[in-house]
């Protein structure tokens, strides 16, 4: 009698633990999808500012000060131009030219692309 009662109690506990674990995994997957964790990102600091480039197979973006500059798929020329324009608008002086800054961003994006096997 006690042995079968113990088996039933342990079974109920086991089912409860499995249910909790599975629901936690599902929640994590939903959260990942909403924040875009499928992207591989790299960061670089230039002249005191931190920039991020992120890619997945068919889409990339830059991020600076919380703003995302979306690429046209993996073609990021216009996104880099927009970010550099905003950056120069906030920075009073720079040791880098517009073209140097844009080239640095494009190199960062290319590094991310090669690290995640994205299109370059």
PDB file of N, CA and C in Angstrom:
ATOM      1  N   UNK A   1       0.818  -1.190   0.000  1.00  0.00           N
ATOM      2  CA  UNK A   1       0.000   0.000   0.000  1.00  0.00           C
ATOM      3  C   UNK A   1       0.865   1.258   0.000  1.00  0.00           C
ATOM      4  N   UNK A   2       1.800   1.348   0.944  1.00  0.00           N
ATOM      5  CA  UNK A   2       2.653   2.532   1.011  1.00  0.00           C
ATOM      6  C   UNK A   2       3.578   2.631  -0.193  1.00  0.00           C
ATOM      7  N   UNK A   3       4.031   1.494  -0.688  1.00  0.00           N
ATOM      8  CA  UNK A   3       4.916   1.477  -1.841  1.00  0.00           C
ATOM      9  C   UNK A   3       4.197   2.014  -3.084  1.00  0.00           C
ATOM     10  N   UNK A   4       2.996   1.622  -3.337  1.00  0.00           N
ATOM     11  CA  UNK A   4       2.251   2.113  -4.500  1.00  0.00           C
ATOM     12  C   UNK A   4       1.876   3.587  -4.335  1.00  0.00           C
ATOM     13  N   UNK A   5       1.621   4.022  -3.111  1.00  0.00           N
ATOM     14  CA  UNK A   5       1.323   5.431  -2.849  1.00  0.00           C
ATOM     15  C   UNK A   5       2.567   6.281  -3.127  1.00  0.00           C
ATOM     16  N   UNK A   6       3.720   5.789  -2.722  1.00  0.00           N
ATOM     17  CA  UNK A   6       4.971   6.491  -2.973  1.00  0.00           C
ATOM     18  C   UNK A   6       5.235   6.610  -4.483  1.00  0.00           C
ATOM     19  N   UNK A   7       4.985   5.562  -5.221  1.00  0.00           N
ATOM     20  CA  UNK A   7       5.177   5.576  -6.675  1.00  0.00           C
ATOM     21  C   UNK A   7       4.248   6.609  -7.312  1.00  0.00           C
ATOM     22  N   UNK A   8       3.018   6.670  -6.869  1.00  0.00           N
ATOM     23  CA  UNK A   8       2.057   7.637  -7.407  1.00  0.00           C
ATOM     24  C   UNK A   8       2.512   9.062  -7.099  1.00  0.00           C
ATOM     25  N   UNK A   9       2.967   9.313  -5.893  1.00  0.00           N
ATOM     26  CA  UNK A   9       3.422  10.663  -5.494  1.00  0.00           C
ATOM     27  C   UNK A   9       4.648  11.058  -6.315  1.00  0.00           C
ATOM     28  N   UNK A  10       5.609  10.146  -6.445  1.00  0.00           N
ATOM     29  CA  UNK A  10       6.793  10.443  -7.239  1.00  0.00           C
ATOM     30  C   UNK A  10       6.439  10.685  -8.705  1.00  0.00           C
ATOM     31  N   UNK A  11       5.489   9.956  -9.221  1.00  0.00           N
ATOM     32  CA  UNK A  11       5.054  10.139 -10.614  1.00  0.00           C
ATOM     33  C   UNK A  11       4.428  11.510 -10.810  1.00  0.00           C
ATOM     34  N   UNK A  12       3.609  11.919  -9.860  1.00  0.00           N
ATOM     35  CA  UNK A  12       2.970  13.246  -9.938  1.00  0.00           C
ATOM     36  C   UNK A  12       4.027  14.342  -9.877  1.00  0.00           C
ATOM     37  N   UNK A  13       4.999  14.191  -8.992  1.00  0.00           N
ATOM     38  CA  UNK A  13       6.076  15.183  -8.878  1.00  0.00           C
ATOM     39  C   UNK A  13       6.878  15.239 -10.174  1.00  0.00           C
ATOM     40  N   UNK A  14       7.192  14.078 -10.730  1.00  0.00           N
ATOM     41  CA  UNK A  14       7.960  14.023 -11.970  1.00  0.00           C
ATOM     42  C   UNK A  14       7.207  14.682 -13.120  1.00  0.00           C
ATOM     43  N   UNK A  15       5.918  14.397 -13.251  1.00  0.00           N
ATOM     44  CA  UNK A  15       5.105  15.018 -14.301  1.00  0.00           C
ATOM     45  C   UNK A  15       5.072  16.532 -14.107  1.00  0.00           C
ATOM     46  N   UNK A  16       4.943  16.978 -12.877  1.00  0.00           N
ATOM     47  CA  UNK A  16       4.933  18.418 -12.597  1.00  0.00           C
ATOM     48  C   UNK A  16       6.241  19.082 -12.989  1.00  0.00           C
ATOM     49  N   UNK A  17       7.353  18.462 -12.651  1.00  0.00           N
ATOM     50  CA  UNK A  17       8.661  19.027 -12.998  1.00  0.00           C
ATOM     51  C   UNK A  17       8.879  19.067 -14.509  1.00  0.00           C
ATOM     52  N   UNK A  18       8.477  18.021 -15.191  1.00  0.00           N
ATOM     53  CA  UNK A  18       8.609  17.990 -16.649  1.00  0.00           C
ATOM     54  C   UNK A  18       7.748  19.085 -17.269  1.00  0.00           C
ATOM     55  N   UNK A  19       6.539  19.270 -16.777  1.00  0.00           N
ATOM     56  CA  UNK A  19       5.650  20.316 -17.307  1.00  0.00           C
ATOM     57  C   UNK A  19       6.248  21.701 -17.112  1.00  0.00           C
ATOM     58  N   UNK A  20       6.796  21.946 -15.942  1.00  0.00           N
ATOM     59  CA  UNK A  20       7.415  23.255 -15.665  1.00  0.00           C
ATOM     60  C   UNK A  20       8.604  23.473 -16.585  1.00  0.00           C
ATOM     61  N   UNK A  21       9.430  22.459 -16.756  1.00  0.00           N
ATOM     62  CA  UNK A  21      10.604  22.572 -17.619  1.00  0.00           C
ATOM     63  C   UNK A  21      10.205  22.841 -19.063  1.00  0.00           C
ATOM     64  N   UNK A  22       9.226  22.121 -19.569  1.00  0.00           N
ATOM     65  CA  UNK A  22       8.793  22.318 -20.947  1.00  0.00           C
ATOM     66  C   UNK A  22       8.177  23.692 -21.166  1.00  0.00           C
ATOM     67  N   UNK A  23       7.413  24.175 -20.216  1.00  0.00           N
ATOM     68  CA  UNK A  23       6.816  25.502 -20.388  1.00  0.00           C
ATOM     69  C   UNK A  23       7.885  26.584 -20.335  1.00  0.00           C
ATOM     70  N   UNK A  24       8.928  26.400 -19.530  1.00  0.00           N
ATOM     71  CA  UNK A  24      10.027  27.369 -19.473  1.00  0.00           C
ATOM     72  C   UNK A  24      10.789  27.387 -20.791  1.00  0.00           C
ATOM     73  N   UNK A  25      11.018  26.212 -21.393  1.00  0.00           N
ATOM     74  CA  UNK A  25      11.706  26.162 -22.685  1.00  0.00           C
ATOM     75  C   UNK A  25      10.899  26.854 -23.765  1.00  0.00           C
ATOM     76  N   UNK A  26       9.602  26.639 -23.792  1.00  0.00           N
ATOM     77  CA  UNK A  26       8.751  27.281 -24.791  1.00  0.00           C
ATOM     78  C   UNK A  26       8.792  28.792 -24.634  1.00  0.00           C
ATOM     79  N   UNK A  27       8.764  29.280 -23.407  1.00  0.00           N
ATOM     80  CA  UNK A  27       8.810  30.714 -23.164  1.00  0.00           C
ATOM     81  C   UNK A  27      10.123  31.299 -23.673  1.00  0.00           C
ATOM     82  N   UNK A  28      11.246  30.619 -23.412  1.00  0.00           N
ATOM     83  CA  UNK A  28      12.529  31.104 -23.890  1.00  0.00           C
ATOM     84  C   UNK A  28      12.561  31.187 -25.403  1.00  0.00           C
ATOM     85  N   UNK A  29      12.028  30.199 -26.096  1.00  0.00           N
ATOM     86  CA  UNK A  29      12.014  30.221 -27.557  1.00  0.00           C
ATOM     87  C   UNK A  29      11.168  31.372 -28.072  1.00  0.00           C
ATOM     88  N   UNK A  30      10.020  31.629 -27.457  1.00  0.00           N
ATOM     89  CA  UNK A  30       9.179  32.746 -27.872  1.00  0.00           C
ATOM     90  C   UNK A  30       9.903  34.063 -27.657  1.00  0.00           C
ATOM     91  N   UNK A  31      10.576  34.209 -26.509  1.00  0.00           N
ATOM     92  CA  UNK A  31      11.310  35.439 -26.231  1.00  0.00           C
ATOM     93  C   UNK A  31      12.431  35.643 -27.237  1.00  0.00           C
ATOM     94  N   UNK A  32      13.150  34.568 -27.586  1.00  0.00           N
ATOM     95  CA  UNK A  32      14.239  34.669 -28.540  1.00  0.00           C
ATOM     96  C   UNK A  32      13.731  35.164 -29.888  1.00  0.00           C
ATOM     97  N   UNK A  33      12.600  34.651 -30.322  1.00  0.00           N
ATOM     98  CA  UNK A  33      12.066  35.047 -31.619  1.00  0.00           C
ATOM     99  C   UNK A  33      11.690  36.523 -31.623  1.00  0.00           C
ATOM    100  N   UNK A  34      11.193  37.027 -30.505  1.00  0.00           N
ATOM    101  CA  UNK A  34      10.748  38.412 -30.492  1.00  0.00           C
ATOM    102  C   UNK A  34      11.913  39.389 -30.476  1.00  0.00           C
ATOM    103  N   UNK A  35      13.051  39.013 -29.922  1.00  0.00           N
ATOM    104  CA  UNK A  35      14.182  39.934 -29.886  1.00  0.00           C
ATOM    105  C   UNK A  35      15.184  39.671 -30.997  1.00  0.00           C
ATOM    106  N   UNK A  36      14.928  38.678 -31.821  1.00  0.00           N
ATOM    107  CA  UNK A  36      15.774  38.451 -32.970  1.00  0.00           C
ATOM    108  C   UNK A  36      17.120  37.837 -32.644  1.00  0.00           C
ATOM    109  N   UNK A  37      17.155  36.887 -31.749  1.00  0.00           N
ATOM    110  CA  UNK A  37      18.418  36.265 -31.372  1.00  0.00           C
ATOM    111  C   UNK A  37      19.027  35.444 -32.493  1.00  0.00           C
ATOM    112  N   UNK A  38      18.338  35.311 -33.626  1.00  0.00           N
ATOM    113  CA  UNK A  38      18.908  34.579 -34.746  1.00  0.00           C
ATOM    114  C   UNK A  38      20.035  35.379 -35.393  1.00  0.00           C
ATOM    115  N   UNK A  39      20.189  36.636 -35.021  1.00  0.00           N
ATOM    116  CA  UNK A  39      21.232  37.484 -35.570  1.00  0.00           C
ATOM    117  C   UNK A  39      22.549  37.251 -34.838  1.00  0.00           C
ATOM    118  N   UNK A  40      23.637  37.229 -35.608  1.00  0.00           N
ATOM    119  CA  UNK A  40      24.981  37.182 -35.036  1.00  0.00           C
ATOM    120  C   UNK A  40      25.519  38.605 -35.077  1.00  0.00           C
ATOM    121  N   UNK A  41      26.023  39.098 -33.953  1.00  0.00           N
ATOM    122  CA  UNK A  41      26.446  40.499 -33.870  1.00  0.00           C
ATOM    123  C   UNK A  41      27.904  40.630 -33.448  1.00  0.00           C
ATOM    124  N   UNK A  42      28.515  41.700 -33.900  1.00  0.00           N
ATOM    125  CA  UNK A  42      29.860  42.106 -33.490  1.00  0.00           C
ATOM    126  C   UNK A  42      29.806  43.588 -33.159  1.00  0.00           C
ATOM    127  N   UNK A  43      30.597  43.990 -32.188  1.00  0.00           N
ATOM    128  CA  UNK A  43      30.655  45.410 -31.833  1.00  0.00           C
ATOM    129  C   UNK A  43      32.070  45.932 -32.041  1.00  0.00           C
ATOM    130  N   UNK A  44      32.144  47.227 -32.260  1.00  0.00           N
ATOM    131  CA  UNK A  44      33.427  47.905 -32.411  1.00  0.00           C
ATOM    132  C   UNK A  44      33.283  49.313 -31.866  1.00  0.00           C
ATOM    133  N   UNK A  45      34.320  49.793 -31.234  1.00  0.00           N
ATOM    134  CA  UNK A  45      34.320  51.157 -30.718  1.00  0.00           C
ATOM    135  C   UNK A  45      35.228  52.008 -31.589  1.00  0.00           C
ATOM    136  N   UNK A  46      34.664  53.105 -32.072  1.00  0.00           N
ATOM    137  CA  UNK A  46      35.417  54.057 -32.884  1.00  0.00           C
ATOM    138  C   UNK A  46      35.219  55.441 -32.296  1.00  0.00           C
ATOM    139  N   UNK A  47      36.301  56.088 -31.982  1.00  0.00           N
ATOM    140  CA  UNK A  47      36.286  57.449 -31.444  1.00  0.00           C
ATOM    141  C   UNK A  47      35.341  57.592 -30.257  1.00  0.00           C
ATOM    142  N   UNK A  48      35.343  56.590 -29.390  1.00  0.00           N
ATOM    143  CA  UNK A  48      34.546  56.658 -28.169  1.00  0.00           C
ATOM    144  C   UNK A  48      33.098  56.224 -28.309  1.00  0.00           C
ATOM    145  N   UNK A  49      32.664  55.862 -29.492  1.00  0.00           N
ATOM    146  CA  UNK A  49      31.296  55.411 -29.706  1.00  0.00           C
ATOM    147  C   UNK A  49      31.299  53.928 -30.063  1.00  0.00           C
ATOM    148  N   UNK A  50      30.315  53.205 -29.562  1.00  0.00           N
ATOM    149  CA  UNK A  50      30.209  51.777 -29.842  1.00  0.00           C
ATOM    150  C   UNK A  50      29.163  51.544 -30.917  1.00  0.00           C
ATOM    151  N   UNK A  51      29.558  50.806 -31.930  1.00  0.00           N
ATOM    152  CA  UNK A  51      28.700  50.460 -33.049  1.00  0.00           C
ATOM    153  C   UNK A  51      28.530  48.952 -33.077  1.00  0.00           C
ATOM    154  N   UNK A  52      27.392  48.499 -33.565  1.00  0.00           N
ATOM    155  CA  UNK A  52      27.135  47.068 -33.667  1.00  0.00           C
ATOM    156  C   UNK A  52      26.647  46.763 -35.077  1.00  0.00           C
ATOM    157  N   UNK A  53      27.147  45.645 -35.617  1.00  0.00           N
ATOM    158  CA  UNK A  53      26.659  45.122 -36.894  1.00  0.00           C
ATOM    159  C   UNK A  53      26.121  43.726 -36.622  1.00  0.00           C
ATOM    160  N   UNK A  54      24.927  43.437 -37.130  1.00  0.00           N
ATOM    161  CA  UNK A  54      24.287  42.145 -36.896  1.00  0.00           C
ATOM    162  C   UNK A  54      23.775  41.587 -38.213  1.00  0.00           C
ATOM    163  N   UNK A  55      23.906  40.273 -38.379  1.00  0.00           N
ATOM    164  CA  UNK A  55      23.433  39.606 -39.592  1.00  0.00           C
ATOM    165  C   UNK A  55      22.855  38.249 -39.260  1.00  0.00           C
ATOM    166  N   UNK A  56      21.911  37.844 -40.083  1.00  0.00           N
ATOM    167  CA  UNK A  56      21.543  36.446 -40.219  1.00  0.00           C
ATOM    168  C   UNK A  56      21.612  36.180 -41.714  1.00  0.00           C
ATOM    169  N   UNK A  57      21.247  35.041 -42.155  1.00  0.00           N
ATOM    170  CA  UNK A  57      21.513  34.639 -43.536  1.00  0.00           C
ATOM    171  C   UNK A  57      21.059  35.657 -44.579  1.00  0.00           C
ATOM    172  N   UNK A  58      19.881  36.239 -44.412  1.00  0.00           N
ATOM    173  CA  UNK A  58      19.351  37.097 -45.468  1.00  0.00           C
ATOM    174  C   UNK A  58      19.059  38.526 -45.047  1.00  0.00           C
ATOM    175  N   UNK A  59      19.517  38.941 -43.877  1.00  0.00           N
ATOM    176  CA  UNK A  59      19.222  40.294 -43.411  1.00  0.00           C
ATOM    177  C   UNK A  59      20.305  40.764 -42.448  1.00  0.00           C
ATOM    178  N   UNK A  60      20.694  42.036 -42.567  1.00  0.00           N
ATOM    179  CA  UNK A  60      21.678  42.642 -41.666  1.00  0.00           C
ATOM    180  C   UNK A  60      21.193  44.020 -41.230  1.00  0.00           C
ATOM    181  N   UNK A  61      21.797  44.511 -40.166  1.00  0.00           N
ATOM    182  CA  UNK A  61      21.559  45.878 -39.729  1.00  0.00           C
ATOM    183  C   UNK A  61      22.734  46.371 -38.907  1.00  0.00           C
ATOM    184  N   UNK A  62      22.849  47.688 -38.810  1.00  0.00           N
ATOM    185  CA  UNK A  62      23.792  48.334 -37.898  1.00  0.00           C
ATOM    186  C   UNK A  62      22.978  48.875 -36.732  1.00  0.00           C
ATOM    187  N   UNK A  63      23.635  49.044 -35.595  1.00  0.00           N
ATOM    188  CA  UNK A  63      22.973  49.676 -34.459  1.00  0.00           C
ATOM    189  C   UNK A  63      23.951  50.629 -33.795  1.00  0.00           C
ATOM    190  N   UNK A  64      23.431  51.806 -33.472  1.00  0.00           N
ATOM    191  CA  UNK A  64      24.224  52.816 -32.782  1.00  0.00           C
ATOM    192  C   UNK A  64      23.289  53.620 -31.889  1.00  0.00           C
ATOM    193  N   UNK A  65      23.649  53.741 -30.638  1.00  0.00           N
ATOM    194  CA  UNK A  65      22.864  54.467 -29.632  1.00  0.00           C
ATOM    195  C   UNK A  65      21.391  54.059 -29.641  1.00  0.00           C
ATOM    196  N   UNK A  66      21.141  52.747 -29.763  1.00  0.00           N
ATOM    197  CA  UNK A  66      19.786  52.205 -29.684  1.00  0.00           C
ATOM    198  C   UNK A  66      18.979  52.286 -30.969  1.00  0.00           C
ATOM    199  N   UNK A  67      19.507  52.910 -32.009  1.00  0.00           N
ATOM    200  CA  UNK A  67      18.785  53.021 -33.283  1.00  0.00           C
ATOM    201  C   UNK A  67      19.331  51.985 -34.261  1.00  0.00           C
ATOM    202  N   UNK A  68      18.430  51.294 -34.937  1.00  0.00           N
ATOM    203  CA  UNK A  68      18.830  50.309 -35.937  1.00  0.00           C
ATOM    204  C   UNK A  68      18.750  50.919 -37.330  1.00  0.00           C
ATOM    205  N   UNK A  69      19.776  50.621 -38.105  1.00  0.00           N
ATOM    206  CA  UNK A  69      19.872  51.064 -39.490  1.00  0.00           C
ATOM    207  C   UNK A  69      19.806  49.796 -40.344  1.00  0.00           C
ATOM    208  N   UNK A  70      18.631  49.514 -40.891  1.00  0.00           N
ATOM    209  CA  UNK A  70      18.396  48.253 -41.594  1.00  0.00           C
ATOM    210  C   UNK A  70      18.997  48.275 -42.983  1.00  0.00           C
ATOM    211  N   UNK A  71      19.605  47.184 -43.339  1.00  0.00           N
ATOM    212  CA  UNK A  71      20.183  47.003 -44.673  1.00  0.00           C
ATOM    213  C   UNK A  71      19.110  46.496 -45.623  1.00  0.00           C
ATOM    214  N   UNK A  72      19.383  46.601 -46.897  1.00  0.00           N
ATOM    215  CA  UNK A  72      18.532  46.026 -47.922  1.00  0.00           C
ATOM    216  C   UNK A  72      19.006  44.583 -48.102  1.00  0.00           C
ATOM    217  N   UNK A  73      18.479  43.682 -47.291  1.00  0.00           N
ATOM    218  CA  UNK A  73      19.003  42.314 -47.240  1.00  0.00           C
ATOM    219  C   UNK A  73      20.371  42.344 -46.588  1.00  0.00           C
ATOM    220  N   UNK A  74      21.388  42.022 -47.372  1.00  0.00           N
ATOM    221  CA  UNK A  74      22.757  42.092 -46.855  1.00  0.00           C
ATOM    222  C   UNK A  74      23.552  43.201 -47.533  1.00  0.00           C
ATOM    223  N   UNK A  75      22.893  44.027 -48.350  1.00  0.00           N
ATOM    224  CA  UNK A  75      23.528  45.195 -48.963  1.00  0.00           C
ATOM    225  C   UNK A  75      23.355  46.365 -47.998  1.00  0.00           C
ATOM    226  N   UNK A  76      24.444  46.761 -47.355  1.00  0.00           N
ATOM    227  CA  UNK A  76      24.354  47.712 -46.247  1.00  0.00           C
ATOM    228  C   UNK A  76      24.898  49.098 -46.566  1.00  0.00           C
ATOM    229  N   UNK A  77      25.111  49.407 -47.838  1.00  0.00           N
ATOM    230  CA  UNK A  77      25.660  50.714 -48.200  1.00  0.00           C
ATOM    231  C   UNK A  77      24.811  51.876 -47.716  1.00  0.00           C
ATOM    232  N   UNK A  78      23.510  51.834 -47.974  1.00  0.00           N
ATOM    233  CA  UNK A  78      22.625  52.923 -47.552  1.00  0.00           C
ATOM    234  C   UNK A  78      22.505  53.000 -46.031  1.00  0.00           C
ATOM    235  N   UNK A  79      22.468  51.847 -45.367  1.00  0.00           N
ATOM    236  CA  UNK A  79      22.384  51.832 -43.903  1.00  0.00           C
ATOM    237  C   UNK A  79      23.640  52.447 -43.292  1.00  0.00           C
ATOM    238  N   UNK A  80      24.802  52.109 -43.843  1.00  0.00           N
ATOM    239  CA  UNK A  80      26.063  52.688 -43.346  1.00  0.00           C
ATOM    240  C   UNK A  80      26.083  54.192 -43.567  1.00  0.00           C
ATOM    241  N   UNK A  81      25.612  54.636 -44.725  1.00  0.00           N
ATOM    242  CA  UNK A  81      25.558  56.070 -45.013  1.00  0.00           C
ATOM    243  C   UNK A  81      24.661  56.791 -44.014  1.00  0.00           C
ATOM    244  N   UNK A  82      23.487  56.222 -43.734  1.00  0.00           N
ATOM    245  CA  UNK A  82      22.578  56.846 -42.764  1.00  0.00           C
ATOM    246  C   UNK A  82      23.175  56.929 -41.373  1.00  0.00           C
ATOM    247  N   UNK A  83      23.826  55.866 -40.934  1.00  0.00           N
ATOM    248  CA  UNK A  83      24.446  55.873 -39.613  1.00  0.00           C
ATOM    249  C   UNK A  83      25.569  56.904 -39.543  1.00  0.00           C
ATOM    250  N   UNK A  84      26.424  56.937 -40.558  1.00  0.00           N
ATOM    251  CA  UNK A  84      27.546  57.891 -40.548  1.00  0.00           C
ATOM    252  C   UNK A  84      27.024  59.328 -40.587  1.00  0.00           C
ATOM    253  N   UNK A  85      25.966  59.576 -41.354  1.00  0.00           N
ATOM    254  CA  UNK A  85      25.368  60.924 -41.363  1.00  0.00           C
ATOM    255  C   UNK A  85      24.895  61.311 -39.965  1.00  0.00           C
ATOM    256  N   UNK A  86      24.205  60.397 -39.283  1.00  0.00           N
ATOM    257  CA  UNK A  86      23.749  60.680 -37.915  1.00  0.00           C
ATOM    258  C   UNK A  86      24.930  60.875 -36.974  1.00  0.00           C
ATOM    259  N   UNK A  87      25.953  60.054 -37.133  1.00  0.00           N
ATOM    260  CA  UNK A  87      27.129  60.128 -36.265  1.00  0.00           C
ATOM    261  C   UNK A  87      27.824  61.472 -36.424  1.00  0.00           C
ATOM    262  N   UNK A  88      28.053  61.896 -37.675  1.00  0.00           N
ATOM    263  CA  UNK A  88      28.701  63.189 -37.901  1.00  0.00           C
ATOM    264  C   UNK A  88      27.822  64.339 -37.436  1.00  0.00           C
ATOM    265  N   UNK A  89      26.506  64.145 -37.422  1.00  0.00           N
ATOM    266  CA  UNK A  89      25.608  65.184 -36.913  1.00  0.00           C
ATOM    267  C   UNK A  89      25.759  65.404 -35.421  1.00  0.00           C
ATOM    268  N   UNK A  90      26.164  64.378 -34.672  1.00  0.00           N
ATOM    269  CA  UNK A  90      26.331  64.494 -33.223  1.00  0.00           C
ATOM    270  C   UNK A  90      27.771  64.778 -32.819  1.00  0.00           C
ATOM    271  N   UNK A  91      28.713  64.422 -33.643  1.00  0.00           N
ATOM    272  CA  UNK A  91      30.132  64.557 -33.320  1.00  0.00           C
ATOM    273  C   UNK A  91      30.620  65.884 -33.882  1.00  0.00           C
ATOM    274  N   UNK A  92      31.218  66.698 -33.046  1.00  0.00           N
ATOM    275  CA  UNK A  92      31.666  68.023 -33.486  1.00  0.00           C
ATOM    276  C   UNK A  92      32.908  67.948 -34.364  1.00  0.00           C
ATOM    277  N   UNK A  93      33.839  67.061 -34.013  1.00  0.00           N
ATOM    278  CA  UNK A  93      35.032  66.895 -34.832  1.00  0.00           C
ATOM    279  C   UNK A  93      35.417  65.431 -34.827  1.00  0.00           C
ATOM    280  N   UNK A  94      36.175  65.040 -35.847  1.00  0.00           N
ATOM    281  CA  UNK A  94      36.536  63.643 -35.958  1.00  0.00           C
ATOM    282  C   UNK A  94      37.884  63.515 -36.648  1.00  0.00           C
ATOM    283  N   UNK A  95      38.625  62.502 -36.251  1.00  0.00           N
ATOM    284  CA  UNK A  95      39.883  62.213 -36.945  1.00  0.00           C
ATOM    285  C   UNK A  95      39.631  61.346 -38.174  1.00  0.00           C
ATOM    286  N   UNK A  96      38.383  60.897 -38.340  1.00  0.00           N
ATOM    287  CA  UNK A  96      38.024  60.045 -39.478  1.00  0.00           C
ATOM    288  C   UNK A  96      37.161  60.825 -40.457  1.00  0.00           C
ATOM    289  N   UNK A  97      37.354  60.559 -41.740  1.00  0.00           N
ATOM    290  CA  UNK A  97      36.495  61.167 -42.750  1.00  0.00           C
ATOM    291  C   UNK A  97      35.215  60.352 -42.864  1.00  0.00           C
ATOM    292  N   UNK A  98      34.261  60.898 -43.588  1.00  0.00           N
ATOM    293  CA  UNK A  98      33.002  60.194 -43.835  1.00  0.00           C
ATOM    294  C   UNK A  98      33.274  58.833 -44.468  1.00  0.00           C
ATOM    295  N   UNK A  99      34.111  58.814 -45.500  1.00  0.00           N
ATOM    296  CA  UNK A  99      34.401  57.568 -46.219  1.00  0.00           C
ATOM    297  C   UNK A  99      35.149  56.563 -45.339  1.00  0.00           C
ATOM    298  N   UNK A 100      36.072  57.050 -44.495  1.00  0.00           N
ATOM    299  CA  UNK A 100      36.788  56.141 -43.592  1.00  0.00           C
ATOM    300  C   UNK A 100      35.823  55.485 -42.612  1.00  0.00           C
ATOM    301  N   UNK A 101      34.917  56.282 -42.076  1.00  0.00           N
ATOM    302  CA  UNK A 101      33.939  55.778 -41.118  1.00  0.00           C
ATOM    303  C   UNK A 101      33.029  54.743 -41.779  1.00  0.00           C
ATOM    304  N   UNK A 102      32.563  55.051 -42.970  1.00  0.00           N
ATOM    305  CA  UNK A 102      31.692  54.135 -43.693  1.00  0.00           C
ATOM    306  C   UNK A 102      32.430  52.830 -44.006  1.00  0.00           C
ATOM    307  N   UNK A 103      33.694  52.933 -44.388  1.00  0.00           N
ATOM    308  CA  UNK A 103      34.496  51.743 -44.687  1.00  0.00           C
ATOM    309  C   UNK A 103      34.650  50.878 -43.436  1.00  0.00           C
ATOM    310  N   UNK A 104      34.875  51.493 -42.277  1.00  0.00           N
ATOM    311  CA  UNK A 104      34.997  50.742 -41.022  1.00  0.00           C
ATOM    312  C   UNK A 104      33.714  49.969 -40.726  1.00  0.00           C
ATOM    313  N   UNK A 105      32.573  50.612 -40.930  1.00  0.00           N
ATOM    314  CA  UNK A 105      31.294  49.941 -40.702  1.00  0.00           C
ATOM    315  C   UNK A 105      31.098  48.780 -41.674  1.00  0.00           C
ATOM    316  N   UNK A 106      31.436  48.991 -42.924  1.00  0.00           N
ATOM    317  CA  UNK A 106      31.279  47.925 -43.912  1.00  0.00           C
ATOM    318  C   UNK A 106      32.214  46.747 -43.613  1.00  0.00           C
ATOM    319  N   UNK A 107      33.411  47.029 -43.100  1.00  0.00           N
ATOM    320  CA  UNK A 107      34.327  45.955 -42.706  1.00  0.00           C
ATOM    321  C   UNK A 107      33.785  45.193 -41.502  1.00  0.00           C
ATOM    322  N   UNK A 108      33.182  45.918 -40.570  1.00  0.00           N
ATOM    323  CA  UNK A 108      32.566  45.265 -39.406  1.00  0.00           C
ATOM    324  C   UNK A 108      31.429  44.358 -39.857  1.00  0.00           C
ATOM    325  N   UNK A 109      30.603  44.836 -40.775  1.00  0.00           N
ATOM    326  CA  UNK A 109      29.497  44.032 -41.295  1.00  0.00           C
ATOM    327  C   UNK A 109      30.017  42.807 -42.037  1.00  0.00           C
ATOM    328  N   UNK A 110      31.072  42.962 -42.794  1.00  0.00           N
ATOM    329  CA  UNK A 110      31.654  41.835 -43.522  1.00  0.00           C
ATOM    330  C   UNK A 110      32.208  40.798 -42.536  1.00  0.00           C
ATOM    331  N   UNK A 111      32.774  41.263 -41.442  1.00  0.00           N
ATOM    332  CA  UNK A 111      33.277  40.323 -40.415  1.00  0.00           C
ATOM    333  C   UNK A 111      32.146  39.521 -39.821  1.00  0.00           C
ATOM    334  N   UNK A 112      31.043  40.177 -39.521  1.00  0.00           N
ATOM    335  CA  UNK A 112      29.881  39.476 -38.977  1.00  0.00           C
ATOM    336  C   UNK A 112      29.380  38.467 -39.999  1.00  0.00           C
ATOM    337  N   UNK A 113      29.302  38.882 -41.250  1.00  0.00           N
ATOM    338  CA  UNK A 113      28.839  37.994 -42.303  1.00  0.00           C
ATOM    339  C   UNK A 113      29.697  36.752 -42.439  1.00  0.00           C
ATOM    340  N   UNK A 114      30.995  36.907 -42.349  1.00  0.00           N
ATOM    341  CA  UNK A 114      31.873  35.743 -42.493  1.00  0.00           C
ATOM    342  C   UNK A 114      31.809  34.855 -41.256  1.00  0.00           C
ATOM    343  N   UNK A 115      31.593  35.447 -40.080  1.00  0.00           N
ATOM    344  CA  UNK A 115      31.502  34.662 -38.849  1.00  0.00           C
ATOM    345  C   UNK A 115      30.221  33.820 -38.797  1.00  0.00           C
ATOM    346  N   UNK A 116      29.132  34.310 -39.373  1.00  0.00           N
ATOM    347  CA  UNK A 116      27.867  33.582 -39.274  1.00  0.00           C
ATOM    348  C   UNK A 116      27.498  32.878 -40.574  1.00  0.00           C
ATOM    349  N   UNK A 117      28.419  32.853 -41.534  1.00  0.00           N
ATOM    350  CA  UNK A 117      28.173  32.231 -42.826  1.00  0.00           C
ATOM    351  C   UNK A 117      27.005  32.897 -43.550  1.00  0.00           C
ATOM    352  N   UNK A 118      26.912  34.225 -43.401  1.00  0.00           N
ATOM    353  CA  UNK A 118      25.876  34.994 -44.099  1.00  0.00           C
ATOM    354  C   UNK A 118      26.383  35.339 -45.493  1.00  0.00           C
ATOM    355  N   UNK A 119      25.495  35.866 -46.300  1.00  0.00           N
ATOM    356  CA  UNK A 119      25.901  36.334 -47.622  1.00  0.00           C
ATOM    357  C   UNK A 119      26.742  37.593 -47.458  1.00  0.00           C
ATOM    358  N   UNK A 120      27.745  37.753 -48.264  1.00  0.00           N
ATOM    359  CA  UNK A 120      28.587  38.969 -48.192  1.00  0.00           C
ATOM    360  C   UNK A 120      28.372  39.866 -49.372  1.00  0.00           C
TER     361      UNK A 120
END
